[in-house]
Amino acid sequence: MFELTNNIGKIDSKFRYIILAAKRTRQLQAGARPALTIQSKKFTRIAQEEVTSGLVKYDIVEEATKPSKKRSPKEAKEGKVH
């Protein structure tokens, strides 16, 4: 059986690899041209090869943390949203 994340190139985590390949697969399905030529015609396999080869560029964006305001029991009961 083929191990999906056996060779993920320079990607720092299996989760990031899966997300990148999935997003690239959607781009290919929408009509984007493949960045490389391989035997497989399946978009998922092409996307995996592109990600592993470092052809898919990405940025890691840190989310700004917002201070969370706890709702009072009364607000929670009334269904108020901030």
PDB file of N, CA and C in Angstrom:
ATOM      1  N   MET A   1       0.837  -1.183   0.000  1.00  0.00           N
ATOM      2  CA  MET A   1       0.000   0.000   0.000  1.00  0.00           C
ATOM      3  C   MET A   1       0.876   1.238   0.000  1.00  0.00           C
ATOM      4  N   PHE A   2       0.436   2.270  -0.702  1.00  0.00           N
ATOM      5  CA  PHE A   2       1.180   3.521  -0.812  1.00  0.00           C
ATOM      6  C   PHE A   2       0.999   4.365   0.440  1.00  0.00           C
ATOM      7  N   GLU A   3       2.076   4.753   1.042  1.00  0.00           N
ATOM      8  CA  GLU A   3       2.037   5.618   2.217  1.00  0.00           C
ATOM      9  C   GLU A   3       1.911   7.057   1.732  1.00  0.00           C
ATOM     10  N   LEU A   4       0.782   7.698   2.031  1.00  0.00           N
ATOM     11  CA  LEU A   4       0.477   9.031   1.523  1.00  0.00           C
ATOM     12  C   LEU A   4       1.535  10.061   1.900  1.00  0.00           C
ATOM     13  N   THR A   5       1.990  10.040   3.114  1.00  0.00           N
ATOM     14  CA  THR A   5       2.937  11.048   3.579  1.00  0.00           C
ATOM     15  C   THR A   5       4.330  10.470   3.770  1.00  0.00           C
ATOM     16  N   ASN A   6       4.674   9.473   2.994  1.00  0.00           N
ATOM     17  CA  ASN A   6       5.971   8.828   3.114  1.00  0.00           C
ATOM     18  C   ASN A   6       7.115   9.796   2.805  1.00  0.00           C
ATOM     19  N   ASN A   7       6.979  10.564   1.746  1.00  0.00           N
ATOM     20  CA  ASN A   7       8.020  11.507   1.344  1.00  0.00           C
ATOM     21  C   ASN A   7       7.376  12.863   1.151  1.00  0.00           C
ATOM     22  N   ILE A   8       7.417  13.717   2.174  1.00  0.00           N
ATOM     23  CA  ILE A   8       6.741  15.005   2.086  1.00  0.00           C
ATOM     24  C   ILE A   8       7.694  16.155   1.787  1.00  0.00           C
ATOM     25  N   GLY A   9       8.886  15.838   1.364  1.00  0.00           N
ATOM     26  CA  GLY A   9       9.829  16.885   1.000  1.00  0.00           C
ATOM     27  C   GLY A   9      10.233  17.712   2.203  1.00  0.00           C
ATOM     28  N   LYS A  10      10.267  19.026   2.019  1.00  0.00           N
ATOM     29  CA  LYS A  10      10.701  19.932   3.088  1.00  0.00           C
ATOM     30  C   LYS A  10       9.541  20.480   3.907  1.00  0.00           C
ATOM     31  N   ILE A  11       8.347  19.930   3.725  1.00  0.00           N
ATOM     32  CA  ILE A  11       7.190  20.370   4.496  1.00  0.00           C
ATOM     33  C   ILE A  11       7.390  19.957   5.949  1.00  0.00           C
ATOM     34  N   ASP A  12       7.065  20.858   6.879  1.00  0.00           N
ATOM     35  CA  ASP A  12       7.353  20.618   8.294  1.00  0.00           C
ATOM     36  C   ASP A  12       6.375  19.699   9.016  1.00  0.00           C
ATOM     37  N   SER A  13       5.204  19.419   8.411  1.00  0.00           N
ATOM     38  CA  SER A  13       4.275  18.510   9.081  1.00  0.00           C
ATOM     39  C   SER A  13       3.396  17.790   8.055  1.00  0.00           C
ATOM     40  N   LYS A  14       2.930  16.617   8.437  1.00  0.00           N
ATOM     41  CA  LYS A  14       2.057  15.845   7.555  1.00  0.00           C
ATOM     42  C   LYS A  14       0.743  16.582   7.320  1.00  0.00           C
ATOM     43  N   PHE A  15       0.240  17.246   8.344  1.00  0.00           N
ATOM     44  CA  PHE A  15      -1.009  17.987   8.217  1.00  0.00           C
ATOM     45  C   PHE A  15      -0.877  19.087   7.167  1.00  0.00           C
ATOM     46  N   ARG A  16       0.211  19.844   7.222  1.00  0.00           N
ATOM     47  CA  ARG A  16       0.420  20.928   6.251  1.00  0.00           C
ATOM     48  C   ARG A  16       0.540  20.350   4.834  1.00  0.00           C
ATOM     49  N   TYR A  17       1.215  19.217   4.713  1.00  0.00           N
ATOM     50  CA  TYR A  17       1.355  18.558   3.413  1.00  0.00           C
ATOM     51  C   TYR A  17      -0.016  18.207   2.834  1.00  0.00           C
ATOM     52  N   ILE A  18      -0.877  17.627   3.649  1.00  0.00           N
ATOM     53  CA  ILE A  18      -2.219  17.229   3.206  1.00  0.00           C
ATOM     54  C   ILE A  18      -3.027  18.455   2.781  1.00  0.00           C
ATOM     55  N   ILE A  19      -2.979  19.511   3.577  1.00  0.00           N
ATOM     56  CA  ILE A  19      -3.735  20.733   3.258  1.00  0.00           C
ATOM     57  C   ILE A  19      -3.230  21.350   1.962  1.00  0.00           C
ATOM     58  N   LEU A  20      -1.916  21.448   1.796  1.00  0.00           N
ATOM     59  CA  LEU A  20      -1.348  22.019   0.572  1.00  0.00           C
ATOM     60  C   LEU A  20      -1.737  21.196  -0.659  1.00  0.00           C
ATOM     61  N   ALA A  21      -1.624  19.883  -0.540  1.00  0.00           N
ATOM     62  CA  ALA A  21      -1.967  19.022  -1.675  1.00  0.00           C
ATOM     63  C   ALA A  21      -3.453  19.123  -2.002  1.00  0.00           C
ATOM     64  N   ALA A  22      -4.299  19.207  -0.995  1.00  0.00           N
ATOM     65  CA  ALA A  22      -5.745  19.324  -1.227  1.00  0.00           C
ATOM     66  C   ALA A  22      -6.089  20.638  -1.917  1.00  0.00           C
ATOM     67  N   LYS A  23      -5.481  21.729  -1.458  1.00  0.00           N
ATOM     68  CA  LYS A  23      -5.750  23.028  -2.086  1.00  0.00           C
ATOM     69  C   LYS A  23      -5.230  23.063  -3.518  1.00  0.00           C
ATOM     70  N   ARG A  24      -4.065  22.479  -3.738  1.00  0.00           N
ATOM     71  CA  ARG A  24      -3.512  22.441  -5.091  1.00  0.00           C
ATOM     72  C   ARG A  24      -4.372  21.553  -5.999  1.00  0.00           C
ATOM     73  N   THR A  25      -4.903  20.466  -5.456  1.00  0.00           N
ATOM     74  CA  THR A  25      -5.792  19.598  -6.226  1.00  0.00           C
ATOM     75  C   THR A  25      -7.015  20.380  -6.690  1.00  0.00           C
ATOM     76  N   ARG A  26      -7.591  21.197  -5.808  1.00  0.00           N
ATOM     77  CA  ARG A  26      -8.754  22.011  -6.183  1.00  0.00           C
ATOM     78  C   ARG A  26      -8.394  22.996  -7.290  1.00  0.00           C
ATOM     79  N   GLN A  27      -7.195  23.563  -7.228  1.00  0.00           N
ATOM     80  CA  GLN A  27      -6.758  24.479  -8.286  1.00  0.00           C
ATOM     81  C   GLN A  27      -6.660  23.745  -9.622  1.00  0.00           C
ATOM     82  N   LEU A  28      -6.094  22.557  -9.605  1.00  0.00           N
ATOM     83  CA  LEU A  28      -5.964  21.764 -10.830  1.00  0.00           C
ATOM     84  C   LEU A  28      -7.335  21.385 -11.385  1.00  0.00           C
ATOM     85  N   GLN A  29      -8.253  21.025 -10.508  1.00  0.00           N
ATOM     86  CA  GLN A  29      -9.601  20.669 -10.937  1.00  0.00           C
ATOM     87  C   GLN A  29     -10.320  21.865 -11.553  1.00  0.00           C
ATOM     88  N   ALA A  30      -9.974  23.067 -11.097  1.00  0.00           N
ATOM     89  CA  ALA A  30     -10.604  24.285 -11.603  1.00  0.00           C
ATOM     90  C   ALA A  30      -9.965  24.767 -12.906  1.00  0.00           C
ATOM     91  N   GLY A  31      -8.928  24.064 -13.368  1.00  0.00           N
ATOM     92  CA  GLY A  31      -8.333  24.406 -14.654  1.00  0.00           C
ATOM     93  C   GLY A  31      -6.898  24.898 -14.634  1.00  0.00           C
ATOM     94  N   ALA A  32      -6.272  24.975 -13.454  1.00  0.00           N
ATOM     95  CA  ALA A  32      -4.870  25.400 -13.387  1.00  0.00           C
ATOM     96  C   ALA A  32      -3.993  24.383 -14.115  1.00  0.00           C
ATOM     97  N   ARG A  33      -2.922  24.864 -14.698  1.00  0.00           N
ATOM     98  CA  ARG A  33      -1.996  23.972 -15.412  1.00  0.00           C
ATOM     99  C   ARG A  33      -1.035  23.325 -14.421  1.00  0.00           C
ATOM    100  N   PRO A  34      -0.755  22.045 -14.600  1.00  0.00           N
ATOM    101  CA  PRO A  34       0.224  21.379 -13.733  1.00  0.00           C
ATOM    102  C   PRO A  34       1.614  22.004 -13.900  1.00  0.00           C
ATOM    103  N   ALA A  35       2.355  22.083 -12.808  1.00  0.00           N
ATOM    104  CA  ALA A  35       3.698  22.662 -12.833  1.00  0.00           C
ATOM    105  C   ALA A  35       4.746  21.645 -13.266  1.00  0.00           C
ATOM    106  N   LEU A  36       4.372  20.383 -13.362  1.00  0.00           N
ATOM    107  CA  LEU A  36       5.289  19.348 -13.819  1.00  0.00           C
ATOM    108  C   LEU A  36       4.511  18.273 -14.567  1.00  0.00           C
ATOM    109  N   THR A  37       5.226  17.454 -15.297  1.00  0.00           N
ATOM    110  CA  THR A  37       4.594  16.375 -16.057  1.00  0.00           C
ATOM    111  C   THR A  37       4.973  15.042 -15.425  1.00  0.00           C
ATOM    112  N   ILE A  38       3.964  14.269 -15.055  1.00  0.00           N
ATOM    113  CA  ILE A  38       4.191  12.919 -14.536  1.00  0.00           C
ATOM    114  C   ILE A  38       3.262  11.973 -15.286  1.00  0.00           C
ATOM    115  N   GLN A  39       3.464  10.691 -15.090  1.00  0.00           N
ATOM    116  CA  GLN A  39       2.652   9.701 -15.793  1.00  0.00           C
ATOM    117  C   GLN A  39       1.190   9.756 -15.383  1.00  0.00           C
ATOM    118  N   SER A  40       0.932  10.001 -14.124  1.00  0.00           N
ATOM    119  CA  SER A  40      -0.439   9.994 -13.631  1.00  0.00           C
ATOM    120  C   SER A  40      -1.216  11.190 -14.174  1.00  0.00           C
ATOM    121  N   LYS A  41      -2.469  10.962 -14.476  1.00  0.00           N
ATOM    122  CA  LYS A  41      -3.356  12.036 -14.916  1.00  0.00           C
ATOM    123  C   LYS A  41      -4.305  12.456 -13.800  1.00  0.00           C
ATOM    124  N   LYS A  42      -4.155  11.829 -12.640  1.00  0.00           N
ATOM    125  CA  LYS A  42      -5.008  12.150 -11.501  1.00  0.00           C
ATOM    126  C   LYS A  42      -4.518  13.425 -10.825  1.00  0.00           C
ATOM    127  N   PHE A  43      -5.457  14.340 -10.596  1.00  0.00           N
ATOM    128  CA  PHE A  43      -5.092  15.630 -10.018  1.00  0.00           C
ATOM    129  C   PHE A  43      -4.469  15.497  -8.630  1.00  0.00           C
ATOM    130  N   THR A  44      -4.974  14.560  -7.826  1.00  0.00           N
ATOM    131  CA  THR A  44      -4.424  14.413  -6.477  1.00  0.00           C
ATOM    132  C   THR A  44      -2.967  13.975  -6.517  1.00  0.00           C
ATOM    133  N   ARG A  45      -2.640  13.070  -7.400  1.00  0.00           N
ATOM    134  CA  ARG A  45      -1.254  12.580  -7.502  1.00  0.00           C
ATOM    135  C   ARG A  45      -0.330  13.674  -8.036  1.00  0.00           C
ATOM    136  N   ILE A  46      -0.818  14.435  -9.012  1.00  0.00           N
ATOM    137  CA  ILE A  46      -0.028  15.544  -9.559  1.00  0.00           C
ATOM    138  C   ILE A  46       0.240  16.569  -8.453  1.00  0.00           C
ATOM    139  N   ALA A  47      -0.797  16.903  -7.684  1.00  0.00           N
ATOM    140  CA  ALA A  47      -0.649  17.872  -6.593  1.00  0.00           C
ATOM    141  C   ALA A  47       0.346  17.381  -5.550  1.00  0.00           C
ATOM    142  N   GLN A  48       0.279  16.096  -5.205  1.00  0.00           N
ATOM    143  CA  GLN A  48       1.222  15.546  -4.230  1.00  0.00           C
ATOM    144  C   GLN A  48       2.661  15.674  -4.725  1.00  0.00           C
ATOM    145  N   GLU A  49       2.885  15.361  -5.989  1.00  0.00           N
ATOM    146  CA  GLU A  49       4.239  15.469  -6.553  1.00  0.00           C
ATOM    147  C   GLU A  49       4.724  16.919  -6.557  1.00  0.00           C
ATOM    148  N   GLU A  50       3.816  17.846  -6.885  1.00  0.00           N
ATOM    149  CA  GLU A  50       4.199  19.261  -6.892  1.00  0.00           C
ATOM    150  C   GLU A  50       4.574  19.742  -5.496  1.00  0.00           C
ATOM    151  N   VAL A  51       3.795  19.355  -4.508  1.00  0.00           N
ATOM    152  CA  VAL A  51       4.085  19.762  -3.129  1.00  0.00           C
ATOM    153  C   VAL A  51       5.409  19.162  -2.668  1.00  0.00           C
ATOM    154  N   THR A  52       5.610  17.879  -2.922  1.00  0.00           N
ATOM    155  CA  THR A  52       6.840  17.198  -2.519  1.00  0.00           C
ATOM    156  C   THR A  52       8.063  17.812  -3.198  1.00  0.00           C
ATOM    157  N   SER A  53       7.904  18.232  -4.450  1.00  0.00           N
ATOM    158  CA  SER A  53       9.013  18.816  -5.208  1.00  0.00           C
ATOM    159  C   SER A  53       9.291  20.267  -4.834  1.00  0.00           C
ATOM    160  N   GLY A  54       8.444  20.858  -3.995  1.00  0.00           N
ATOM    161  CA  GLY A  54       8.643  22.244  -3.585  1.00  0.00           C
ATOM    162  C   GLY A  54       8.122  23.250  -4.591  1.00  0.00           C
ATOM    163  N   LEU A  55       7.259  22.826  -5.499  1.00  0.00           N
ATOM    164  CA  LEU A  55       6.727  23.722  -6.520  1.00  0.00           C
ATOM    165  C   LEU A  55       5.505  24.504  -6.060  1.00  0.00           C
ATOM    166  N   VAL A  56       4.932  24.121  -4.941  1.00  0.00           N
ATOM    167  CA  VAL A  56       3.769  24.823  -4.403  1.00  0.00           C
ATOM    168  C   VAL A  56       4.260  25.749  -3.303  1.00  0.00           C
ATOM    169  N   LYS A  57       4.107  27.042  -3.538  1.00  0.00           N
ATOM    170  CA  LYS A  57       4.568  28.038  -2.565  1.00  0.00           C
ATOM    171  C   LYS A  57       3.455  28.336  -1.572  1.00  0.00           C
ATOM    172  N   TYR A  58       3.824  28.580  -0.341  1.00  0.00           N
ATOM    173  CA  TYR A  58       2.844  28.878   0.693  1.00  0.00           C
ATOM    174  C   TYR A  58       3.470  29.759   1.762  1.00  0.00           C
ATOM    175  N   ASP A  59       2.616  30.451   2.489  1.00  0.00           N
ATOM    176  CA  ASP A  59       3.031  31.278   3.620  1.00  0.00           C
ATOM    177  C   ASP A  59       2.345  30.757   4.869  1.00  0.00           C
ATOM    178  N   ILE A  60       3.061  30.807   5.965  1.00  0.00           N
ATOM    179  CA  ILE A  60       2.475  30.450   7.252  1.00  0.00           C
ATOM    180  C   ILE A  60       2.074  31.759   7.920  1.00  0.00           C
ATOM    181  N   VAL A  61       0.781  31.922   8.147  1.00  0.00           N
ATOM    182  CA  VAL A  61       0.257  33.157   8.720  1.00  0.00           C
ATOM    183  C   VAL A  61      -0.175  32.887  10.148  1.00  0.00           C
ATOM    184  N   GLU A  62       0.360  33.656  11.045  1.00  0.00           N
ATOM    185  CA  GLU A  62      -0.006  33.532  12.450  1.00  0.00           C
ATOM    186  C   GLU A  62      -1.305  34.300  12.679  1.00  0.00           C
ATOM    187  N   GLU A  63      -2.253  33.673  13.352  1.00  0.00           N
ATOM    188  CA  GLU A  63      -3.498  34.355  13.678  1.00  0.00           C
ATOM    189  C   GLU A  63      -3.272  35.274  14.852  1.00  0.00           C
ATOM    190  N   ALA A  64      -3.853  36.462  14.748  1.00  0.00           N
ATOM    191  CA  ALA A  64      -3.787  37.384  15.874  1.00  0.00           C
ATOM    192  C   ALA A  64      -4.724  36.883  16.955  1.00  0.00           C
ATOM    193  N   THR A  65      -4.224  36.834  18.154  1.00  0.00           N
ATOM    194  CA  THR A  65      -5.070  36.353  19.241  1.00  0.00           C
ATOM    195  C   THR A  65      -5.905  37.502  19.767  1.00  0.00           C
ATOM    196  N   LYS A  66      -7.191  37.253  19.872  1.00  0.00           N
ATOM    197  CA  LYS A  66      -8.096  38.265  20.406  1.00  0.00           C
ATOM    198  C   LYS A  66      -8.409  37.903  21.846  1.00  0.00           C
ATOM    199  N   PRO A  67      -8.464  38.918  22.691  1.00  0.00           N
ATOM    200  CA  PRO A  67      -8.867  38.602  24.059  1.00  0.00           C
ATOM    201  C   PRO A  67     -10.328  38.167  24.059  1.00  0.00           C
ATOM    202  N   SER A  68     -10.587  37.050  24.693  1.00  0.00           N
ATOM    203  CA  SER A  68     -11.970  36.573  24.697  1.00  0.00           C
ATOM    204  C   SER A  68     -12.683  37.106  25.930  1.00  0.00           C
ATOM    205  N   LYS A  69     -13.882  37.572  25.693  1.00  0.00           N
ATOM    206  CA  LYS A  69     -14.694  38.074  26.795  1.00  0.00           C
ATOM    207  C   LYS A  69     -15.656  36.965  27.179  1.00  0.00           C
ATOM    208  N   LYS A  70     -15.621  36.589  28.408  1.00  0.00           N
ATOM    209  CA  LYS A  70     -16.527  35.532  28.866  1.00  0.00           C
ATOM    210  C   LYS A  70     -17.921  36.119  29.004  1.00  0.00           C
ATOM    211  N   ARG A  71     -18.889  35.328  28.561  1.00  0.00           N
ATOM    212  CA  ARG A  71     -20.283  35.769  28.666  1.00  0.00           C
ATOM    213  C   ARG A  71     -20.839  35.379  30.028  1.00  0.00           C
ATOM    214  N   SER A  72     -21.686  36.239  30.501  1.00  0.00           N
ATOM    215  CA  SER A  72     -22.344  35.927  31.769  1.00  0.00           C
ATOM    216  C   SER A  72     -23.395  34.852  31.514  1.00  0.00           C
ATOM    217  N   PRO A  73     -23.791  34.132  32.537  1.00  0.00           N
ATOM    218  CA  PRO A  73     -24.836  33.114  32.353  1.00  0.00           C
ATOM    219  C   PRO A  73     -26.111  33.702  31.762  1.00  0.00           C
ATOM    220  N   LYS A  74     -26.418  34.958  32.140  1.00  0.00           N
ATOM    221  CA  LYS A  74     -27.622  35.605  31.618  1.00  0.00           C
ATOM    222  C   LYS A  74     -27.497  35.829  30.105  1.00  0.00           C
ATOM    223  N   GLU A  75     -26.320  36.312  29.656  1.00  0.00           N
ATOM    224  CA  GLU A  75     -26.084  36.542  28.219  1.00  0.00           C
ATOM    225  C   GLU A  75     -26.126  35.225  27.452  1.00  0.00           C
ATOM    226  N   ALA A  76     -25.556  34.178  28.033  1.00  0.00           N
ATOM    227  CA  ALA A  76     -25.557  32.879  27.373  1.00  0.00           C
ATOM    228  C   ALA A  76     -26.982  32.350  27.219  1.00  0.00           C
ATOM    229  N   LYS A  77     -27.774  32.547  28.239  1.00  0.00           N
ATOM    230  CA  LYS A  77     -29.157  32.073  28.213  1.00  0.00           C
ATOM    231  C   LYS A  77     -29.974  32.836  27.179  1.00  0.00           C
ATOM    232  N   GLU A  78     -29.706  34.145  27.046  1.00  0.00           N
ATOM    233  CA  GLU A  78     -30.447  34.979  26.108  1.00  0.00           C
ATOM    234  C   GLU A  78     -29.916  34.827  24.666  1.00  0.00           C
ATOM    235  N   GLY A  79     -28.781  34.176  24.522  1.00  0.00           N
ATOM    236  CA  GLY A  79     -28.233  33.942  23.190  1.00  0.00           C
ATOM    237  C   GLY A  79     -27.558  35.157  22.584  1.00  0.00           C
ATOM    238  N   LYS A  80     -27.065  36.069  23.387  1.00  0.00           N
ATOM    239  CA  LYS A  80     -26.401  37.262  22.877  1.00  0.00           C
ATOM    240  C   LYS A  80     -25.034  36.897  22.299  1.00  0.00           C
ATOM    241  N   VAL A  81     -24.729  37.505  21.172  1.00  0.00           N
ATOM    242  CA  VAL A  81     -23.442  37.281  20.516  1.00  0.00           C
ATOM    243  C   VAL A  81     -22.682  38.588  20.504  1.00  0.00           C
ATOM    244  N   HIS A  82     -21.401  38.539  20.754  1.00  0.00           N
ATOM    245  CA  HIS A  82     -20.574  39.760  20.758  1.00  0.00           C
ATOM    246  C   HIS A  82     -20.177  40.128  19.372  1.00  0.00           C
TER     247      HIS A  82
END
